[in-house]
Each structure stands twice: as structure tokens, then as C-alpha cells.
Amino acid sequence: MKTWIKWMFRILLALLGLAAGLILLTASLYLLSDRTNGSLVTSAGEKRSYLLYVPETYNASKPTPLVITIHGFMQWPANQMHVSRWNELADEYGFIVVYPSGTGFPKRWRTNGATGSNTDPSLEIAFFSDLITQLEREYNIDPTRIYANGLSNGGGMSFALSCMLSDQIAAIGSVAGAYLLPWERCQPSRPVPAIIFHGTADPVVPYEGGPSRDFDIPFPAIPEWVAALAKRNGCQGTPIDLPANGSVNGVKYTGCTEVVFYTIAGGGHSWPGGNPLPKWIVGITSHDIDATRTMWEFFQQHPLLEK
């Protein structure tokens, strides 16, 4: 296919995705309550924004966990809120959720740019660090229970946080993650527990790696990437099989800083157990596992003991 045709196709997909996203945004607005608000911070000379959800049960005298959940490429905070349904668990368990916003149009996260450039991931790391500092000033955040997770490009950003902000991020989760940060740039001060979800039929970030339908990018093969992450976390030997459920199989790397990996057979570029994105864009959204609830259970087991 000629290059210009490929680009026209990608632009069309982007426009269709944005149109579908507007529908999802309208649907997600009903989730906004008086305790959910947009705020601004200035970081590295840029004005940045986020949505914050504070449950009605928040008690300022009690240290409270913070969950940072990060939208994907071409998405935005309210969309991530709608898809992931983190607010429901926040009400159930009493933690705060923040939905940061990427930069540019369409919105994205800088996860693999050159050092010193305007796409340098360190610009995003500075934003997340400043965001945490601001929220710690405004709320009684438990510094041992700050967690990050994300979808697609947001999953790649979560991984970057585990590499560059490991002194603050207790554990991470990722769904359909685009892991483009080179390993040599991942130098954490401590290994970070991680829980990973990926569908075998993901049309955007292929499970087996390589370029995808939409992006001519050498994505890593996900099983090999997870195994490399586990090795860096000190894991050795064969991982333990977790109980299968329908389309979902999982493994757990133990005897190290824990890594859990769920494979969703036939799953698309979507959030398992969450509100589905359009099937004709992302593929199937599995409901054989609830990624949000499973992440939270994992996070609860992994506070930052070094704090």
C-alpha cells in the first residue's frame, strides 16, 4: 500500500475514533459528581490538567491510597474514567483516583523520545512527580500506597513511571500496553511489582510484537517483554500458572518482586471487564476478568515498604 494511502487510512481511523470517543465522553459525563473536578498544574513550563475523584467516604485524618490511571493515545481523562470504572472501586474501598491528561492533539504520552528533546519522557515524569506533590498538599495521601496503571500508551507510561519514579510508585498495572521505553533507560532505584493484561487479538499493539494495523512501530512481543521484566525484577525459573477463566489465562512470577501476566485469548485493544470501546476499532472486550478489580487486589498486596 502506498504511503499516502496508509496515512489517509490512519487519519480516517483517528477521526472515527474521535467521533466514537465523543459518544463515550457524553456517556461518561454522568459519572461526574461534586467530588470530581478538573484542575491545573504547571510542570516543566507546561500547563497540565487532570480529573480527580475523591469518594464521599474520604477522611482527611486517615492516610488514603492514591490510584493514578492513565489514558491511551487519542483518549483523555474522562474516557479513561468511563472505560476503567475505577470510581466504583474508589467508592467501595475509599481511595482517591486521579486521571491525568496527556499532551498534544490527539492526546498522548511521551514514552520514547530522545533525551533533552520536547518528547523526552522525563518531561512526563516531572509532571507526575509534581502531580503527586500537589495532591499530597491537598489530601492526606498515604505515601506507601501510590499506584499507577494505564491503557495502551498509558500502560507504557505506567511502565516508564516504574523505571523513573520507583521511589514513589508502589506498584503498576497495564492493559494492552505499548512498551516503547528502551530497557537501557529503565534504571529504577528498586524493582516495582507489576500486573499486566494483553489480548492475543489486539489490532493496535500486537501480542506477538512488530508493527500493527495502525502503527509502523516495532512493538515488542508481549510474552517476551513480560519475561524480561520479571527477570529484571529478580525472578528466576518457570512462572506459576494461575486458574484459567474462560478466555483468560494467567501466570505469576514469584520468589522475586512479583510480576503477574494475564493473557486474554481473542481479546482486543480494550480494558477487560470495563466499559467497551467500539468493537470495530479495538476488537473484543472480554468480561472473563475484571482488570480494575484484579489490579486493586494486586495493589493492596504491594505497598511501598521502603517509605
C-alpha atoms as a PDB file:
ATOM      1  CA  MET A   1       0.000   0.000   0.000  1.00  0.00           C
ATOM      2  CA  LYS A   2       1.354   3.439  -0.917  1.00  0.00           C
ATOM      3  CA  THR A   3       2.497   5.637   1.954  1.00  0.00           C
ATOM      4  CA  TRP A   4      -0.103   8.337   1.344  1.00  0.00           C
ATOM      5  CA  ILE A   5      -2.879   5.767   1.328  1.00  0.00           C
ATOM      6  CA  LYS A   6      -1.642   4.394   4.645  1.00  0.00           C
ATOM      7  CA  TRP A   7      -1.651   7.869   6.152  1.00  0.00           C
ATOM      8  CA  MET A   8      -5.149   8.606   4.818  1.00  0.00           C
ATOM      9  CA  PHE A   9      -6.317   5.335   6.331  1.00  0.00           C
ATOM     10  CA  ARG A  10      -4.760   6.223   9.669  1.00  0.00           C
ATOM     11  CA  ILE A  11      -6.287   9.705   9.630  1.00  0.00           C
ATOM     12  CA  LEU A  12      -9.676   8.184   8.874  1.00  0.00           C
ATOM     13  CA  LEU A  13      -9.302   5.765  11.787  1.00  0.00           C
ATOM     14  CA  ALA A  14      -8.298   8.663  14.011  1.00  0.00           C
ATOM     15  CA  LEU A  15     -11.361  10.673  13.010  1.00  0.00           C
ATOM     16  CA  LEU A  16     -13.627   7.684  13.521  1.00  0.00           C
ATOM     17  CA  GLY A  17     -12.008   7.042  16.876  1.00  0.00           C
ATOM     18  CA  LEU A  18     -12.509  10.643  17.926  1.00  0.00           C
ATOM     19  CA  ALA A  19     -16.145  10.506  16.832  1.00  0.00           C
ATOM     20  CA  ALA A  20     -16.679   7.351  18.855  1.00  0.00           C
ATOM     21  CA  GLY A  21     -14.828   8.968  21.721  1.00  0.00           C
ATOM     22  CA  LEU A  22     -17.222  11.929  21.746  1.00  0.00           C
ATOM     23  CA  ILE A  23     -20.056   9.481  22.215  1.00  0.00           C
ATOM     24  CA  LEU A  24     -18.192   7.842  25.103  1.00  0.00           C
ATOM     25  CA  LEU A  25     -17.434  11.238  26.617  1.00  0.00           C
ATOM     26  CA  THR A  26     -21.118  12.117  26.626  1.00  0.00           C
ATOM     27  CA  ALA A  27     -21.874   8.789  28.297  1.00  0.00           C
ATOM     28  CA  SER A  28     -19.133   9.287  30.862  1.00  0.00           C
ATOM     29  CA  LEU A  29     -20.251  12.728  32.000  1.00  0.00           C
ATOM     30  CA  TYR A  30     -22.977  11.201  34.137  1.00  0.00           C
ATOM     31  CA  LEU A  31     -20.213   9.731  36.317  1.00  0.00           C
ATOM     32  CA  LEU A  32     -19.002  13.170  37.329  1.00  0.00           C
ATOM     33  CA  SER A  33     -20.028  14.165  40.843  1.00  0.00           C
ATOM     34  CA  ASP A  34     -19.429  17.169  43.029  1.00  0.00           C
ATOM     35  CA  ARG A  35     -16.274  15.457  44.290  1.00  0.00           C
ATOM     36  CA  THR A  36     -14.815  15.056  40.790  1.00  0.00           C
ATOM     37  CA  ASN A  37     -13.121  18.098  39.328  1.00  0.00           C
ATOM     38  CA  GLY A  38     -10.604  19.250  36.765  1.00  0.00           C
ATOM     39  CA  SER A  39      -7.532  21.081  37.996  1.00  0.00           C
ATOM     40  CA  LEU A  40      -4.362  22.529  36.523  1.00  0.00           C
ATOM     41  CA  VAL A  41      -0.707  22.257  37.427  1.00  0.00           C
ATOM     42  CA  THR A  42       2.310  23.780  35.784  1.00  0.00           C
ATOM     43  CA  SER A  43       5.191  21.371  35.226  1.00  0.00           C
ATOM     44  CA  ALA A  44       8.396  21.839  33.224  1.00  0.00           C
ATOM     45  CA  GLY A  45       6.939  25.075  31.839  1.00  0.00           C
ATOM     46  CA  GLU A  46       3.770  23.360  30.594  1.00  0.00           C
ATOM     47  CA  LYS A  47       0.223  23.762  31.833  1.00  0.00           C
ATOM     48  CA  ARG A  48      -1.123  20.304  32.633  1.00  0.00           C
ATOM     49  CA  SER A  49      -4.532  19.076  33.672  1.00  0.00           C
ATOM     50  CA  TYR A  50      -6.208  16.122  35.348  1.00  0.00           C
ATOM     51  CA  LEU A  51      -9.515  14.869  36.694  1.00  0.00           C
ATOM     52  CA  LEU A  52      -9.718  13.913  40.340  1.00  0.00           C
ATOM     53  CA  TYR A  53     -12.208  11.627  42.044  1.00  0.00           C
ATOM     54  CA  VAL A  54     -12.500  11.748  45.824  1.00  0.00           C
ATOM     55  CA  PRO A  55     -15.043   9.331  47.338  1.00  0.00           C
ATOM     56  CA  GLU A  56     -17.654  10.643  49.764  1.00  0.00           C
ATOM     57  CA  THR A  57     -16.085   8.485  52.488  1.00  0.00           C
ATOM     58  CA  TYR A  58     -12.730  10.307  52.310  1.00  0.00           C
ATOM     59  CA  ASN A  59     -11.489  11.122  55.815  1.00  0.00           C
ATOM     60  CA  ALA A  60      -8.811  13.819  55.972  1.00  0.00           C
ATOM     61  CA  SER A  61      -7.443  12.367  59.218  1.00  0.00           C
ATOM     62  CA  LYS A  62      -6.722   8.986  57.589  1.00  0.00           C
ATOM     63  CA  PRO A  63      -3.844   8.322  55.128  1.00  0.00           C
ATOM     64  CA  THR A  64      -5.544   7.373  51.866  1.00  0.00           C
ATOM     65  CA  PRO A  65      -4.246   5.362  48.880  1.00  0.00           C
ATOM     66  CA  LEU A  66      -3.892   7.137  45.525  1.00  0.00           C
ATOM     67  CA  VAL A  67      -4.508   5.377  42.206  1.00  0.00           C
ATOM     68  CA  ILE A  68      -3.171   7.116  39.095  1.00  0.00           C
ATOM     69  CA  THR A  69      -4.868   5.775  35.956  1.00  0.00           C
ATOM     70  CA  ILE A  70      -3.585   6.900  32.560  1.00  0.00           C
ATOM     71  CA  HIS A  71      -5.498   7.150  29.289  1.00  0.00           C
ATOM     72  CA  GLY A  72      -4.232   5.869  25.956  1.00  0.00           C
ATOM     73  CA  PHE A  73      -3.263   7.580  22.708  1.00  0.00           C
ATOM     74  CA  MET A  74      -6.155   9.623  21.232  1.00  0.00           C
ATOM     75  CA  GLN A  75      -8.052   9.337  24.543  1.00  0.00           C
ATOM     76  CA  TRP A  76      -8.480  11.608  27.542  1.00  0.00           C
ATOM     77  CA  PRO A  77      -9.165  11.515  31.308  1.00  0.00           C
ATOM     78  CA  ALA A  78     -12.981  11.270  31.218  1.00  0.00           C
ATOM     79  CA  ASN A  79     -12.733   8.492  28.652  1.00  0.00           C
ATOM     80  CA  GLN A  80     -10.332   6.530  30.876  1.00  0.00           C
ATOM     81  CA  MET A  81     -12.663   7.092  33.809  1.00  0.00           C
ATOM     82  CA  HIS A  82     -15.587   5.672  31.824  1.00  0.00           C
ATOM     83  CA  VAL A  83     -13.688   2.702  30.379  1.00  0.00           C
ATOM     84  CA  SER A  84     -11.854   1.583  33.538  1.00  0.00           C
ATOM     85  CA  ARG A  85     -14.631   2.228  36.088  1.00  0.00           C
ATOM     86  CA  TRP A  86     -12.075   2.971  38.812  1.00  0.00           C
ATOM     87  CA  ASN A  87     -14.517   5.353  40.551  1.00  0.00           C
ATOM     88  CA  GLU A  88     -16.758   2.427  41.506  1.00  0.00           C
ATOM     89  CA  LEU A  89     -13.917   0.731  43.379  1.00  0.00           C
ATOM     90  CA  ALA A  90     -12.857   4.044  44.908  1.00  0.00           C
ATOM     91  CA  ASP A  91     -16.303   4.307  46.466  1.00  0.00           C
ATOM     92  CA  GLU A  92     -16.122   0.705  47.643  1.00  0.00           C
ATOM     93  CA  TYR A  93     -12.634   0.840  49.162  1.00  0.00           C
ATOM     94  CA  GLY A  94     -12.169   4.524  49.960  1.00  0.00           C
ATOM     95  CA  PHE A  95      -9.160   5.511  47.829  1.00  0.00           C
ATOM     96  CA  ILE A  96      -8.598   8.576  45.626  1.00  0.00           C
ATOM     97  CA  VAL A  97      -8.305   8.278  41.851  1.00  0.00           C
ATOM     98  CA  VAL A  98      -6.609  10.765  39.558  1.00  0.00           C
ATOM     99  CA  TYR A  99      -6.888  10.762  35.771  1.00  0.00           C
ATOM    100  CA  PRO A 100      -4.015  12.837  34.315  1.00  0.00           C
ATOM    101  CA  SER A 101      -4.173  14.304  30.826  1.00  0.00           C
ATOM    102  CA  GLY A 102      -1.534  13.832  28.134  1.00  0.00           C
ATOM    103  CA  THR A 103      -0.285  16.490  25.754  1.00  0.00           C
ATOM    104  CA  GLY A 104      -0.779  17.392  22.099  1.00  0.00           C
ATOM    105  CA  PHE A 105      -3.613  16.613  19.698  1.00  0.00           C
ATOM    106  CA  PRO A 106      -4.620  13.895  19.772  1.00  0.00           C
ATOM    107  CA  LYS A 107      -3.536  13.474  23.383  1.00  0.00           C
ATOM    108  CA  ARG A 108      -0.561  11.197  24.043  1.00  0.00           C
ATOM    109  CA  TRP A 109       2.240  10.380  26.470  1.00  0.00           C
ATOM    110  CA  ARG A 110       5.923  10.877  25.692  1.00  0.00           C
ATOM    111  CA  THR A 111       7.440   7.478  26.455  1.00  0.00           C
ATOM    112  CA  ASN A 112      10.292   7.036  23.980  1.00  0.00           C
ATOM    113  CA  GLY A 113      11.657  10.418  22.875  1.00  0.00           C
ATOM    114  CA  ALA A 114      15.300  11.447  22.803  1.00  0.00           C
ATOM    115  CA  THR A 115      16.878  12.829  25.954  1.00  0.00           C
ATOM    116  CA  GLY A 116      16.668  16.615  26.023  1.00  0.00           C
ATOM    117  CA  SER A 117      14.067  16.803  23.239  1.00  0.00           C
ATOM    118  CA  ASN A 118      10.485  18.017  23.576  1.00  0.00           C
ATOM    119  CA  THR A 119       9.415  14.353  23.516  1.00  0.00           C
ATOM    120  CA  ASP A 120      11.728  13.311  26.361  1.00  0.00           C
ATOM    121  CA  PRO A 121       9.887  11.016  28.818  1.00  0.00           C
ATOM    122  CA  SER A 122      11.487  12.912  31.685  1.00  0.00           C
ATOM    123  CA  LEU A 123       9.037  15.755  30.956  1.00  0.00           C
ATOM    124  CA  GLU A 124       6.183  13.400  31.792  1.00  0.00           C
ATOM    125  CA  ILE A 125       8.000  12.071  34.857  1.00  0.00           C
ATOM    126  CA  ALA A 126       8.306  15.646  36.121  1.00  0.00           C
ATOM    127  CA  PHE A 127       4.557  16.129  35.601  1.00  0.00           C
ATOM    128  CA  PHE A 128       3.627  13.002  37.543  1.00  0.00           C
ATOM    129  CA  SER A 129       6.010  13.904  40.351  1.00  0.00           C
ATOM    130  CA  ASP A 130       4.547  17.414  40.540  1.00  0.00           C
ATOM    131  CA  LEU A 131       1.024  15.990  40.401  1.00  0.00           C
ATOM    132  CA  ILE A 132       1.705  13.666  43.333  1.00  0.00           C
ATOM    133  CA  THR A 133       3.254  16.543  45.307  1.00  0.00           C
ATOM    134  CA  GLN A 134       0.220  18.749  44.673  1.00  0.00           C
ATOM    135  CA  LEU A 135      -2.243  16.033  45.707  1.00  0.00           C
ATOM    136  CA  GLU A 136      -0.197  15.315  48.854  1.00  0.00           C
ATOM    137  CA  ARG A 137      -0.556  19.001  49.776  1.00  0.00           C
ATOM    138  CA  GLU A 138      -4.316  18.938  49.248  1.00  0.00           C
ATOM    139  CA  TYR A 139      -5.185  15.496  50.637  1.00  0.00           C
ATOM    140  CA  ASN A 140      -3.862  13.038  53.187  1.00  0.00           C
ATOM    141  CA  ILE A 141      -2.233  10.679  50.672  1.00  0.00           C
ATOM    142  CA  ASP A 142      -0.579   7.544  52.027  1.00  0.00           C
ATOM    143  CA  PRO A 143       2.961   7.725  50.543  1.00  0.00           C
ATOM    144  CA  THR A 144       3.327   3.944  50.775  1.00  0.00           C
ATOM    145  CA  ARG A 145       0.237   3.291  48.633  1.00  0.00           C
ATOM    146  CA  ILE A 146       0.559   5.286  45.413  1.00  0.00           C
ATOM    147  CA  TYR A 147      -0.170   3.121  42.356  1.00  0.00           C
ATOM    148  CA  ALA A 148      -0.122   3.727  38.594  1.00  0.00           C
ATOM    149  CA  ASN A 149      -1.879   1.964  35.751  1.00  0.00           C
ATOM    150  CA  GLY A 150      -2.938   2.708  32.208  1.00  0.00           C
ATOM    151  CA  LEU A 151      -4.239   1.623  28.826  1.00  0.00           C
ATOM    152  CA  SER A 152      -2.107   1.316  25.672  1.00  0.00           C
ATOM    153  CA  ASN A 153       0.168   4.386  25.539  1.00  0.00           C
ATOM    154  CA  GLY A 154      -0.927   4.929  29.154  1.00  0.00           C
ATOM    155  CA  GLY A 155       0.283   1.435  30.006  1.00  0.00           C
ATOM    156  CA  GLY A 156       3.645   2.338  28.510  1.00  0.00           C
ATOM    157  CA  MET A 157       3.625   5.477  30.635  1.00  0.00           C
ATOM    158  CA  SER A 158       2.952   3.386  33.742  1.00  0.00           C
ATOM    159  CA  PHE A 159       5.998   1.286  32.909  1.00  0.00           C
ATOM    160  CA  ALA A 160       8.077   4.458  32.474  1.00  0.00           C
ATOM    161  CA  LEU A 161       6.934   5.582  35.933  1.00  0.00           C
ATOM    162  CA  SER A 162       8.130   2.290  37.407  1.00  0.00           C
ATOM    163  CA  CYS A 163      11.514   2.964  35.821  1.00  0.00           C
ATOM    164  CA  MET A 164      11.937   6.624  36.738  1.00  0.00           C
ATOM    165  CA  LEU A 165       9.709   7.209  39.762  1.00  0.00           C
ATOM    166  CA  SER A 166      10.171   3.939  41.629  1.00  0.00           C
ATOM    167  CA  ASP A 167      10.778   5.759  44.900  1.00  0.00           C
ATOM    168  CA  GLN A 168       7.138   6.903  44.867  1.00  0.00           C
ATOM    169  CA  ILE A 169       5.174   4.354  42.807  1.00  0.00           C
ATOM    170  CA  ALA A 170       4.475   1.245  44.893  1.00  0.00           C
ATOM    171  CA  ALA A 171       3.216  -0.969  42.034  1.00  0.00           C
ATOM    172  CA  ILE A 172       1.942  -0.640  38.468  1.00  0.00           C
ATOM    173  CA  GLY A 173      -0.695  -2.179  36.226  1.00  0.00           C
ATOM    174  CA  SER A 174      -1.000  -2.098  32.464  1.00  0.00           C
ATOM    175  CA  VAL A 175      -3.657  -3.062  29.914  1.00  0.00           C
ATOM    176  CA  ALA A 176      -2.754  -3.509  26.223  1.00  0.00           C
ATOM    177  CA  GLY A 177       0.439  -1.603  26.963  1.00  0.00           C
ATOM    178  CA  ALA A 178       2.674  -0.041  24.317  1.00  0.00           C
ATOM    179  CA  TYR A 179       6.126  -0.564  25.846  1.00  0.00           C
ATOM    180  CA  LEU A 180       8.465   1.641  23.837  1.00  0.00           C
ATOM    181  CA  LEU A 181      10.834   2.911  26.517  1.00  0.00           C
ATOM    182  CA  PRO A 182      14.209   1.217  25.863  1.00  0.00           C
ATOM    183  CA  TRP A 183      15.385  -1.102  28.626  1.00  0.00           C
ATOM    184  CA  GLU A 184      18.619   0.856  28.983  1.00  0.00           C
ATOM    185  CA  ARG A 185      16.556   3.864  30.090  1.00  0.00           C
ATOM    186  CA  CYS A 186      14.836   1.824  32.794  1.00  0.00           C
ATOM    187  CA  GLN A 187      17.039   2.240  35.866  1.00  0.00           C
ATOM    188  CA  PRO A 188      14.728   2.049  38.908  1.00  0.00           C
ATOM    189  CA  SER A 189      16.049   2.534  42.426  1.00  0.00           C
ATOM    190  CA  ARG A 190      14.045  -0.574  43.343  1.00  0.00           C
ATOM    191  CA  PRO A 191      12.163  -3.199  41.310  1.00  0.00           C
ATOM    192  CA  VAL A 192       8.454  -2.418  41.098  1.00  0.00           C
ATOM    193  CA  PRO A 193       5.682  -5.063  41.270  1.00  0.00           C
ATOM    194  CA  ALA A 194       3.670  -5.213  38.051  1.00  0.00           C
ATOM    195  CA  ILE A 195       0.428  -6.739  36.792  1.00  0.00           C
ATOM    196  CA  ILE A 196      -0.024  -6.910  33.015  1.00  0.00           C
ATOM    197  CA  PHE A 197      -3.037  -7.685  30.775  1.00  0.00           C
ATOM    198  CA  HIS A 198      -2.916  -8.189  26.995  1.00  0.00           C
ATOM    199  CA  GLY A 199      -5.215  -9.671  24.355  1.00  0.00           C
ATOM    200  CA  THR A 200      -3.950 -12.062  21.687  1.00  0.00           C
ATOM    201  CA  ALA A 201      -6.058 -10.331  19.006  1.00  0.00           C
ATOM    202  CA  ASP A 202      -5.015  -6.763  19.826  1.00  0.00           C
ATOM    203  CA  PRO A 203      -5.057  -4.917  16.461  1.00  0.00           C
ATOM    204  CA  VAL A 204      -3.199  -1.841  17.750  1.00  0.00           C
ATOM    205  CA  VAL A 205      -0.387  -3.256  19.928  1.00  0.00           C
ATOM    206  CA  PRO A 206       0.145  -6.821  18.637  1.00  0.00           C
ATOM    207  CA  TYR A 207       0.546  -9.567  21.226  1.00  0.00           C
ATOM    208  CA  GLU A 208       3.324 -11.127  19.125  1.00  0.00           C
ATOM    209  CA  GLY A 209       5.032  -7.771  18.528  1.00  0.00           C
ATOM    210  CA  GLY A 210       6.065  -5.951  15.381  1.00  0.00           C
ATOM    211  CA  PRO A 211       4.156  -3.209  13.505  1.00  0.00           C
ATOM    212  CA  SER A 212       0.376  -3.128  13.743  1.00  0.00           C
ATOM    213  CA  ARG A 213      -2.544  -2.210  11.523  1.00  0.00           C
ATOM    214  CA  ASP A 214      -2.301   1.415  12.635  1.00  0.00           C
ATOM    215  CA  PHE A 215       1.328   1.994  13.610  1.00  0.00           C
ATOM    216  CA  ASP A 216       4.538   1.138  11.783  1.00  0.00           C
ATOM    217  CA  ILE A 217       6.358   0.681  15.096  1.00  0.00           C
ATOM    218  CA  PRO A 218       8.438  -2.322  16.229  1.00  0.00           C
ATOM    219  CA  PHE A 219       6.360  -3.164  19.306  1.00  0.00           C
ATOM    220  CA  PRO A 220       7.942  -5.858  21.498  1.00  0.00           C
ATOM    221  CA  ALA A 221       6.405  -9.328  21.704  1.00  0.00           C
ATOM    222  CA  ILE A 222       4.408  -9.128  24.923  1.00  0.00           C
ATOM    223  CA  PRO A 223       5.217 -12.551  26.483  1.00  0.00           C
ATOM    224  CA  GLU A 224       8.947 -11.989  25.913  1.00  0.00           C
ATOM    225  CA  TRP A 225       8.728  -8.438  27.229  1.00  0.00           C
ATOM    226  CA  VAL A 226       6.964  -9.589  30.411  1.00  0.00           C
ATOM    227  CA  ALA A 227       9.561 -12.346  30.904  1.00  0.00           C
ATOM    228  CA  ALA A 228      12.322  -9.737  30.559  1.00  0.00           C
ATOM    229  CA  LEU A 229      10.573  -7.508  33.117  1.00  0.00           C
ATOM    230  CA  ALA A 230      10.298 -10.444  35.525  1.00  0.00           C
ATOM    231  CA  LYS A 231      13.986 -11.241  35.082  1.00  0.00           C
ATOM    232  CA  ARG A 232      14.878  -7.632  35.857  1.00  0.00           C
ATOM    233  CA  ASN A 233      12.710  -7.944  38.981  1.00  0.00           C
ATOM    234  CA  GLY A 234      14.857 -10.849  40.132  1.00  0.00           C
ATOM    235  CA  CYS A 235      12.526 -13.667  39.083  1.00  0.00           C
ATOM    236  CA  GLN A 236      14.005 -16.998  38.039  1.00  0.00           C
ATOM    237  CA  GLY A 237      12.545 -20.266  36.839  1.00  0.00           C
ATOM    238  CA  THR A 238       9.148 -21.071  35.414  1.00  0.00           C
ATOM    239  CA  PRO A 239       6.210 -18.901  36.492  1.00  0.00           C
ATOM    240  CA  ILE A 240       3.255 -20.419  38.321  1.00  0.00           C
ATOM    241  CA  ASP A 241       0.050 -20.951  36.346  1.00  0.00           C
ATOM    242  CA  LEU A 242      -2.984 -19.139  37.718  1.00  0.00           C
ATOM    243  CA  PRO A 243      -6.523 -20.595  37.489  1.00  0.00           C
ATOM    244  CA  ALA A 244      -7.966 -20.095  33.994  1.00  0.00           C
ATOM    245  CA  ASN A 245     -11.362 -18.490  33.480  1.00  0.00           C
ATOM    246  CA  GLY A 246     -12.947 -18.604  30.037  1.00  0.00           C
ATOM    247  CA  SER A 247     -10.672 -16.758  27.639  1.00  0.00           C
ATOM    248  CA  VAL A 248      -8.216 -15.707  30.367  1.00  0.00           C
ATOM    249  CA  ASN A 249      -5.014 -17.469  31.396  1.00  0.00           C
ATOM    250  CA  GLY A 250      -2.501 -16.066  33.828  1.00  0.00           C
ATOM    251  CA  VAL A 251       0.952 -16.687  35.216  1.00  0.00           C
ATOM    252  CA  LYS A 252       2.702 -15.366  38.312  1.00  0.00           C
ATOM    253  CA  TYR A 253       6.443 -14.875  38.736  1.00  0.00           C
ATOM    254  CA  THR A 254       7.310 -15.421  42.402  1.00  0.00           C
ATOM    255  CA  GLY A 255      10.394 -15.529  44.614  1.00  0.00           C
ATOM    256  CA  CYS A 256      11.147 -12.004  43.452  1.00  0.00           C
ATOM    257  CA  THR A 257       9.448  -8.642  43.107  1.00  0.00           C
ATOM    258  CA  GLU A 258       6.182 -10.068  41.837  1.00  0.00           C
ATOM    259  CA  VAL A 259       5.045  -9.892  38.208  1.00  0.00           C
ATOM    260  CA  VAL A 260       1.615 -11.208  37.136  1.00  0.00           C
ATOM    261  CA  PHE A 261       0.668 -11.606  33.473  1.00  0.00           C
ATOM    262  CA  TYR A 262      -2.836 -12.265  32.133  1.00  0.00           C
ATOM    263  CA  THR A 263      -3.357 -13.295  28.503  1.00  0.00           C
ATOM    264  CA  ILE A 264      -6.849 -12.812  27.068  1.00  0.00           C
ATOM    265  CA  ALA A 265      -7.387 -15.204  24.144  1.00  0.00           C
ATOM    266  CA  GLY A 266      -9.098 -13.295  21.335  1.00  0.00           C
ATOM    267  CA  GLY A 267      -9.051 -10.113  23.407  1.00  0.00           C
ATOM    268  CA  GLY A 268      -8.635  -6.790  21.649  1.00  0.00           C
ATOM    269  CA  HIS A 269      -7.145  -3.402  22.457  1.00  0.00           C
ATOM    270  CA  SER A 270      -9.559  -2.940  25.321  1.00  0.00           C
ATOM    271  CA  TRP A 271      -9.977  -2.926  29.101  1.00  0.00           C
ATOM    272  CA  PRO A 272     -11.163  -6.364  30.319  1.00  0.00           C
ATOM    273  CA  GLY A 273     -14.257  -6.067  32.467  1.00  0.00           C
ATOM    274  CA  GLY A 274     -14.593  -2.367  31.687  1.00  0.00           C
ATOM    275  CA  ASN A 275     -16.964  -0.390  29.508  1.00  0.00           C
ATOM    276  CA  PRO A 276     -16.147  -1.452  25.936  1.00  0.00           C
ATOM    277  CA  LEU A 277     -14.689   0.762  23.256  1.00  0.00           C
ATOM    278  CA  PRO A 278     -16.160   0.271  19.732  1.00  0.00           C
ATOM    279  CA  LYS A 279     -15.524  -3.347  18.685  1.00  0.00           C
ATOM    280  CA  TRP A 280     -14.868  -2.419  15.063  1.00  0.00           C
ATOM    281  CA  ILE A 281     -11.964  -0.236  16.205  1.00  0.00           C
ATOM    282  CA  VAL A 282     -10.387  -2.166  19.090  1.00  0.00           C
ATOM    283  CA  GLY A 283     -11.786  -5.690  18.877  1.00  0.00           C
ATOM    284  CA  ILE A 284     -13.371  -7.738  21.649  1.00  0.00           C
ATOM    285  CA  THR A 285     -13.635  -6.562  25.257  1.00  0.00           C
ATOM    286  CA  SER A 286     -13.516  -9.654  27.471  1.00  0.00           C
ATOM    287  CA  HIS A 287     -15.596  -9.876  30.636  1.00  0.00           C
ATOM    288  CA  ASP A 288     -13.943 -13.071  31.852  1.00  0.00           C
ATOM    289  CA  ILE A 289     -11.787 -10.950  34.147  1.00  0.00           C
ATOM    290  CA  ASP A 290     -12.224  -7.541  35.753  1.00  0.00           C
ATOM    291  CA  ALA A 291      -8.877  -5.823  35.184  1.00  0.00           C
ATOM    292  CA  THR A 292      -9.656  -2.941  37.536  1.00  0.00           C
ATOM    293  CA  ARG A 293     -10.693  -5.107  40.481  1.00  0.00           C
ATOM    294  CA  THR A 294      -7.830  -7.559  39.844  1.00  0.00           C
ATOM    295  CA  MET A 295      -5.341  -4.682  39.776  1.00  0.00           C
ATOM    296  CA  TRP A 296      -6.669  -3.284  43.030  1.00  0.00           C
ATOM    297  CA  GLU A 297      -6.340  -6.678  44.721  1.00  0.00           C
ATOM    298  CA  PHE A 298      -2.741  -6.819  43.470  1.00  0.00           C
ATOM    299  CA  PHE A 299      -2.032  -3.255  44.587  1.00  0.00           C
ATOM    300  CA  GLN A 300      -3.326  -3.961  48.089  1.00  0.00           C
ATOM    301  CA  GLN A 301      -0.713  -6.691  48.428  1.00  0.00           C
ATOM    302  CA  HIS A 302       2.153  -4.384  47.414  1.00  0.00           C
ATOM    303  CA  PRO A 303       2.619  -1.244  49.499  1.00  0.00           C
ATOM    304  CA  LEU A 304       5.882   0.643  49.258  1.00  0.00           C
ATOM    305  CA  LEU A 305       7.566  -0.806  52.330  1.00  0.00           C
ATOM    306  CA  GLU A 306      10.688   1.328  51.910  1.00  0.00           C
ATOM    307  CA  LYS A 307       8.860   4.581  52.680  1.00  0.00           C
END
